[in-house]
Amino acid sequence: MANRGRPTQTKRQRERKRMEKAKEKDAQRANARIRRAEAPDRPTDHDPDIAGFKTGPQEMPTWQREFFEEEQRAKEAAEKLARESGKS
């Protein structure tokens, strides 16, 4: 059975490397905190296209409402004409 040398030097190198990496990460985190604190506030209404919308069903656009009203008037006129021609 062979005895191995004590791994103290390699272990110390690994520990140093780990500690250096941890210090670098701490510095990066601190920089990120500073950068976030100095950044301007983001607008609350990101998209002006949807700024006035509310939850739930939305109103029909004017052009669509007008089209359906015309369709309804035409249908009523056709029914009225059919009733009048049926009575005579």
C-alpha atoms as a PDB file:
ATOM      1  CA  MET A   1       0.000   0.000   0.000  1.00  0.00           C
ATOM      2  CA  ALA A   2       1.530   3.253  -1.130  1.00  0.00           C
ATOM      3  CA  ASN A   3       1.286   6.359   0.956  1.00  0.00           C
ATOM      4  CA  ARG A   4       0.270   9.461  -0.857  1.00  0.00           C
ATOM      5  CA  GLY A   5       1.667  12.886  -0.116  1.00  0.00           C
ATOM      6  CA  ARG A   6      -0.425  15.279   1.841  1.00  0.00           C
ATOM      7  CA  PRO A   7      -2.541  17.388  -0.490  1.00  0.00           C
ATOM      8  CA  THR A   8      -2.104  20.554   1.543  1.00  0.00           C
ATOM      9  CA  GLN A   9      -0.574  22.700  -1.246  1.00  0.00           C
ATOM     10  CA  THR A  10      -3.181  21.812  -3.832  1.00  0.00           C
ATOM     11  CA  LYS A  11      -5.930  22.210  -1.277  1.00  0.00           C
ATOM     12  CA  ARG A  12      -4.646  25.668  -0.338  1.00  0.00           C
ATOM     13  CA  GLN A  13      -4.521  26.657  -4.016  1.00  0.00           C
ATOM     14  CA  ARG A  14      -8.103  25.491  -4.510  1.00  0.00           C
ATOM     15  CA  GLU A  15      -9.239  27.388  -1.420  1.00  0.00           C
ATOM     16  CA  ARG A  16      -7.464  30.567  -2.563  1.00  0.00           C
ATOM     17  CA  LYS A  17      -8.994  30.274  -5.997  1.00  0.00           C
ATOM     18  CA  ARG A  18     -12.445  29.724  -4.471  1.00  0.00           C
ATOM     19  CA  MET A  19     -12.038  32.748  -2.195  1.00  0.00           C
ATOM     20  CA  GLU A  20     -10.841  34.948  -5.075  1.00  0.00           C
ATOM     21  CA  LYS A  21     -13.814  33.885  -7.143  1.00  0.00           C
ATOM     22  CA  ALA A  22     -16.162  34.670  -4.250  1.00  0.00           C
ATOM     23  CA  LYS A  23     -14.598  38.143  -3.896  1.00  0.00           C
ATOM     24  CA  GLU A  24     -15.031  38.770  -7.623  1.00  0.00           C
ATOM     25  CA  LYS A  25     -18.688  37.741  -7.432  1.00  0.00           C
ATOM     26  CA  ASP A  26     -19.225  40.018  -4.421  1.00  0.00           C
ATOM     27  CA  ALA A  27     -17.690  42.908  -6.365  1.00  0.00           C
ATOM     28  CA  GLN A  28     -19.932  42.149  -9.366  1.00  0.00           C
ATOM     29  CA  ARG A  29     -23.001  42.077  -7.109  1.00  0.00           C
ATOM     30  CA  ALA A  30     -22.032  45.404  -5.547  1.00  0.00           C
ATOM     31  CA  ASN A  31     -21.549  46.956  -9.001  1.00  0.00           C
ATOM     32  CA  ALA A  32     -24.917  45.616 -10.106  1.00  0.00           C
ATOM     33  CA  ARG A  33     -26.605  47.109  -7.011  1.00  0.00           C
ATOM     34  CA  ILE A  34     -25.018  50.496  -7.696  1.00  0.00           C
ATOM     35  CA  ARG A  35     -25.934  50.350 -11.398  1.00  0.00           C
ATOM     36  CA  ARG A  36     -29.573  49.456 -10.575  1.00  0.00           C
ATOM     37  CA  ALA A  37     -29.797  52.248  -7.986  1.00  0.00           C
ATOM     38  CA  GLU A  38     -28.475  54.844 -10.440  1.00  0.00           C
ATOM     39  CA  ALA A  39     -30.635  53.686 -13.376  1.00  0.00           C
ATOM     40  CA  PRO A  40     -33.624  55.872 -14.253  1.00  0.00           C
ATOM     41  CA  ASP A  41     -37.056  54.607 -13.276  1.00  0.00           C
ATOM     42  CA  ARG A  42     -38.881  52.573 -15.863  1.00  0.00           C
ATOM     43  CA  PRO A  43     -42.178  53.903 -17.122  1.00  0.00           C
ATOM     44  CA  THR A  44     -45.227  52.144 -15.715  1.00  0.00           C
ATOM     45  CA  ASP A  45     -47.107  52.265 -19.023  1.00  0.00           C
ATOM     46  CA  HIS A  46     -44.699  50.431 -21.281  1.00  0.00           C
ATOM     47  CA  ASP A  47     -46.940  50.202 -24.332  1.00  0.00           C
ATOM     48  CA  PRO A  48     -49.014  53.260 -25.291  1.00  0.00           C
ATOM     49  CA  ASP A  49     -51.211  51.066 -27.520  1.00  0.00           C
ATOM     50  CA  ILE A  50     -52.704  49.308 -24.507  1.00  0.00           C
ATOM     51  CA  ALA A  51     -52.551  52.172 -22.005  1.00  0.00           C
ATOM     52  CA  GLY A  52     -56.321  52.842 -21.890  1.00  0.00           C
ATOM     53  CA  PHE A  53     -57.520  49.239 -21.907  1.00  0.00           C
ATOM     54  CA  LYS A  54     -59.331  47.715 -18.997  1.00  0.00           C
ATOM     55  CA  THR A  55     -59.748  44.057 -18.155  1.00  0.00           C
ATOM     56  CA  GLY A  56     -62.679  42.200 -19.631  1.00  0.00           C
ATOM     57  CA  PRO A  57     -64.441  42.616 -22.961  1.00  0.00           C
ATOM     58  CA  GLN A  58     -63.531  45.743 -24.886  1.00  0.00           C
ATOM     59  CA  GLU A  59     -65.850  48.070 -26.771  1.00  0.00           C
ATOM     60  CA  MET A  60     -66.117  47.604 -30.496  1.00  0.00           C
ATOM     61  CA  PRO A  61     -64.251  50.117 -32.638  1.00  0.00           C
ATOM     62  CA  THR A  62     -66.413  52.830 -34.208  1.00  0.00           C
ATOM     63  CA  TRP A  63     -66.079  51.495 -37.749  1.00  0.00           C
ATOM     64  CA  GLN A  64     -67.210  48.039 -36.632  1.00  0.00           C
ATOM     65  CA  ARG A  65     -70.138  49.395 -34.603  1.00  0.00           C
ATOM     66  CA  GLU A  66     -71.288  51.462 -37.619  1.00  0.00           C
ATOM     67  CA  PHE A  67     -71.102  48.398 -39.876  1.00  0.00           C
ATOM     68  CA  PHE A  68     -73.261  46.323 -37.513  1.00  0.00           C
ATOM     69  CA  GLU A  69     -75.766  49.181 -37.150  1.00  0.00           C
ATOM     70  CA  GLU A  70     -76.072  49.394 -40.962  1.00  0.00           C
ATOM     71  CA  GLU A  71     -76.560  45.628 -41.135  1.00  0.00           C
ATOM     72  CA  GLN A  72     -79.260  45.838 -38.448  1.00  0.00           C
ATOM     73  CA  ARG A  73     -81.057  48.679 -40.280  1.00  0.00           C
ATOM     74  CA  ALA A  74     -80.962  46.746 -43.561  1.00  0.00           C
ATOM     75  CA  LYS A  75     -82.336  43.643 -41.833  1.00  0.00           C
ATOM     76  CA  GLU A  76     -85.149  45.630 -40.191  1.00  0.00           C
ATOM     77  CA  ALA A  77     -86.007  47.286 -43.504  1.00  0.00           C
ATOM     78  CA  ALA A  78     -86.137  43.887 -45.221  1.00  0.00           C
ATOM     79  CA  GLU A  79     -88.404  42.505 -42.479  1.00  0.00           C
ATOM     80  CA  LYS A  80     -90.672  45.565 -42.674  1.00  0.00           C
ATOM     81  CA  LEU A  81     -90.904  45.183 -46.452  1.00  0.00           C
ATOM     82  CA  ALA A  82     -91.707  41.466 -46.070  1.00  0.00           C
ATOM     83  CA  ARG A  83     -94.458  42.245 -43.516  1.00  0.00           C
ATOM     84  CA  GLU A  84     -95.976  44.944 -45.719  1.00  0.00           C
ATOM     85  CA  SER A  85     -95.952  42.723 -48.810  1.00  0.00           C
ATOM     86  CA  GLY A  86     -97.493  39.868 -46.789  1.00  0.00           C
ATOM     87  CA  LYS A  87    -100.415  42.013 -45.562  1.00  0.00           C
ATOM     88  CA  SER A  88    -101.454  43.256 -49.023  1.00  0.00           C
END
